[in-house]
Amino acid sequence: MTNVITASGYTTPEGLLNLSLKVGVNNAEVAVVVQIQSRPPASRPDPNGWPEGYFERCAGSMPELTRPPQGDFEERPALG
């Protein structure tokens, strides 16, 4: 039986990668092949939690979306 499992993870500051994978085979000897592929660093969220460049990427993505006129608001007496 050959089974391919794709996983990703983060290395420790020492360069170790710890994996725990459910392979679906109980009490059996298995062979494991590990292939390391570097990924570009993920962008960090800004102080408000939004991904870096989020608004620049979505600005103008729905140009047909416009807000219709809201009309005049009602004048109310001042409080106090």
C-alpha atoms as a PDB file:
ATOM      1  CA  MET A   1       0.000   0.000   0.000  1.00  0.00           C
ATOM      2  CA  THR A   2       1.335   3.445  -0.929  1.00  0.00           C
ATOM      3  CA  ASN A   3      -0.193   6.504   0.664  1.00  0.00           C
ATOM      4  CA  VAL A   4       0.910  10.108   0.162  1.00  0.00           C
ATOM      5  CA  ILE A   5       0.278  12.490   3.040  1.00  0.00           C
ATOM      6  CA  THR A   6       0.949  16.169   2.566  1.00  0.00           C
ATOM      7  CA  ALA A   7       1.620  18.201   5.697  1.00  0.00           C
ATOM      8  CA  SER A   8       3.192  21.501   6.611  1.00  0.00           C
ATOM      9  CA  GLY A   9       4.677  22.791   9.802  1.00  0.00           C
ATOM     10  CA  TYR A  10       7.084  25.216  11.389  1.00  0.00           C
ATOM     11  CA  THR A  11      10.610  24.498  12.447  1.00  0.00           C
ATOM     12  CA  THR A  12      11.933  25.294  15.887  1.00  0.00           C
ATOM     13  CA  PRO A  13      14.676  27.898  16.403  1.00  0.00           C
ATOM     14  CA  GLU A  14      17.081  24.938  16.422  1.00  0.00           C
ATOM     15  CA  GLY A  15      15.900  23.851  12.954  1.00  0.00           C
ATOM     16  CA  LEU A  16      13.850  20.841  14.099  1.00  0.00           C
ATOM     17  CA  LEU A  17      10.537  19.861  12.525  1.00  0.00           C
ATOM     18  CA  ASN A  18       8.243  17.775  14.719  1.00  0.00           C
ATOM     19  CA  LEU A  19       5.560  15.804  12.884  1.00  0.00           C
ATOM     20  CA  SER A  20       2.721  13.680  14.182  1.00  0.00           C
ATOM     21  CA  LEU A  21       0.699  12.126  11.356  1.00  0.00           C
ATOM     22  CA  LYS A  22      -2.229   9.727  11.407  1.00  0.00           C
ATOM     23  CA  VAL A  23      -1.341   7.185   8.715  1.00  0.00           C
ATOM     24  CA  GLY A  24      -4.274   4.795   9.111  1.00  0.00           C
ATOM     25  CA  VAL A  25      -2.128   1.683   9.623  1.00  0.00           C
ATOM     26  CA  ASN A  26      -2.033   0.109  13.099  1.00  0.00           C
ATOM     27  CA  ASN A  27       0.805  -1.982  14.533  1.00  0.00           C
ATOM     28  CA  ALA A  28       2.750  -2.187  11.276  1.00  0.00           C
ATOM     29  CA  GLU A  29       6.228  -1.340  10.097  1.00  0.00           C
ATOM     30  CA  VAL A  30       6.143   1.471   7.540  1.00  0.00           C
ATOM     31  CA  ALA A  31       8.716   3.313   5.443  1.00  0.00           C
ATOM     32  CA  VAL A  32       8.604   7.109   5.509  1.00  0.00           C
ATOM     33  CA  VAL A  33      10.049   9.553   2.961  1.00  0.00           C
ATOM     34  CA  VAL A  34      10.386  13.221   3.922  1.00  0.00           C
ATOM     35  CA  GLN A  35      10.924  15.894   1.269  1.00  0.00           C
ATOM     36  CA  ILE A  36      11.656  19.412   2.487  1.00  0.00           C
ATOM     37  CA  GLN A  37      10.426  22.326   0.347  1.00  0.00           C
ATOM     38  CA  SER A  38      11.016  25.887   1.497  1.00  0.00           C
ATOM     39  CA  ARG A  39       8.097  28.293   1.348  1.00  0.00           C
ATOM     40  CA  PRO A  40       8.263  32.052   1.053  1.00  0.00           C
ATOM     41  CA  PRO A  41       7.790  33.685   4.448  1.00  0.00           C
ATOM     42  CA  ALA A  42       4.170  34.436   5.271  1.00  0.00           C
ATOM     43  CA  SER A  43       3.350  38.091   5.716  1.00  0.00           C
ATOM     44  CA  ARG A  44       2.694  39.198   9.258  1.00  0.00           C
ATOM     45  CA  PRO A  45      -0.642  40.771  10.189  1.00  0.00           C
ATOM     46  CA  ASP A  46      -0.711  44.493  10.859  1.00  0.00           C
ATOM     47  CA  PRO A  47      -1.396  45.743  14.426  1.00  0.00           C
ATOM     48  CA  ASN A  48      -5.165  45.419  13.786  1.00  0.00           C
ATOM     49  CA  GLY A  49      -4.866  41.787  12.679  1.00  0.00           C
ATOM     50  CA  TRP A  50      -5.302  42.310   8.920  1.00  0.00           C
ATOM     51  CA  PRO A  51      -2.849  40.571   6.556  1.00  0.00           C
ATOM     52  CA  GLU A  52      -0.188  42.867   5.139  1.00  0.00           C
ATOM     53  CA  GLY A  53      -1.466  44.599   1.966  1.00  0.00           C
ATOM     54  CA  TYR A  54      -5.011  43.233   2.407  1.00  0.00           C
ATOM     55  CA  PHE A  55      -6.838  46.449   1.565  1.00  0.00           C
ATOM     56  CA  GLU A  56      -4.537  47.259  -1.335  1.00  0.00           C
ATOM     57  CA  ARG A  57      -5.351  43.869  -2.902  1.00  0.00           C
ATOM     58  CA  CYS A  58      -9.133  44.144  -2.517  1.00  0.00           C
ATOM     59  CA  ALA A  59      -9.684  47.840  -3.204  1.00  0.00           C
ATOM     60  CA  GLY A  60     -11.647  48.136  -6.425  1.00  0.00           C
ATOM     61  CA  SER A  61     -12.398  44.424  -6.601  1.00  0.00           C
ATOM     62  CA  MET A  62     -16.143  45.132  -6.878  1.00  0.00           C
ATOM     63  CA  PRO A  63     -16.425  48.374  -8.878  1.00  0.00           C
ATOM     64  CA  GLU A  64     -20.108  47.673  -9.659  1.00  0.00           C
ATOM     65  CA  LEU A  65     -20.937  47.822  -5.937  1.00  0.00           C
ATOM     66  CA  THR A  66     -22.151  51.323  -5.101  1.00  0.00           C
ATOM     67  CA  ARG A  67     -24.133  52.694  -2.200  1.00  0.00           C
ATOM     68  CA  PRO A  68     -27.442  54.210  -3.295  1.00  0.00           C
ATOM     69  CA  PRO A  69     -28.480  57.649  -1.996  1.00  0.00           C
ATOM     70  CA  GLN A  70     -29.573  57.465   1.637  1.00  0.00           C
ATOM     71  CA  GLY A  71     -32.024  60.359   1.559  1.00  0.00           C
ATOM     72  CA  ASP A  72     -32.312  63.162   4.077  1.00  0.00           C
ATOM     73  CA  PHE A  73     -32.145  62.435   7.767  1.00  0.00           C
ATOM     74  CA  GLU A  74     -34.788  63.551  10.205  1.00  0.00           C
ATOM     75  CA  GLU A  75     -34.157  66.721  12.250  1.00  0.00           C
ATOM     76  CA  ARG A  76     -34.676  66.079  15.946  1.00  0.00           C
ATOM     77  CA  PRO A  77     -34.852  68.523  18.849  1.00  0.00           C
ATOM     78  CA  ALA A  78     -31.631  68.895  20.810  1.00  0.00           C
ATOM     79  CA  LEU A  79     -31.389  67.054  24.112  1.00  0.00           C
ATOM     80  CA  GLY A  80     -30.958  68.879  27.347  1.00  0.00           C
END
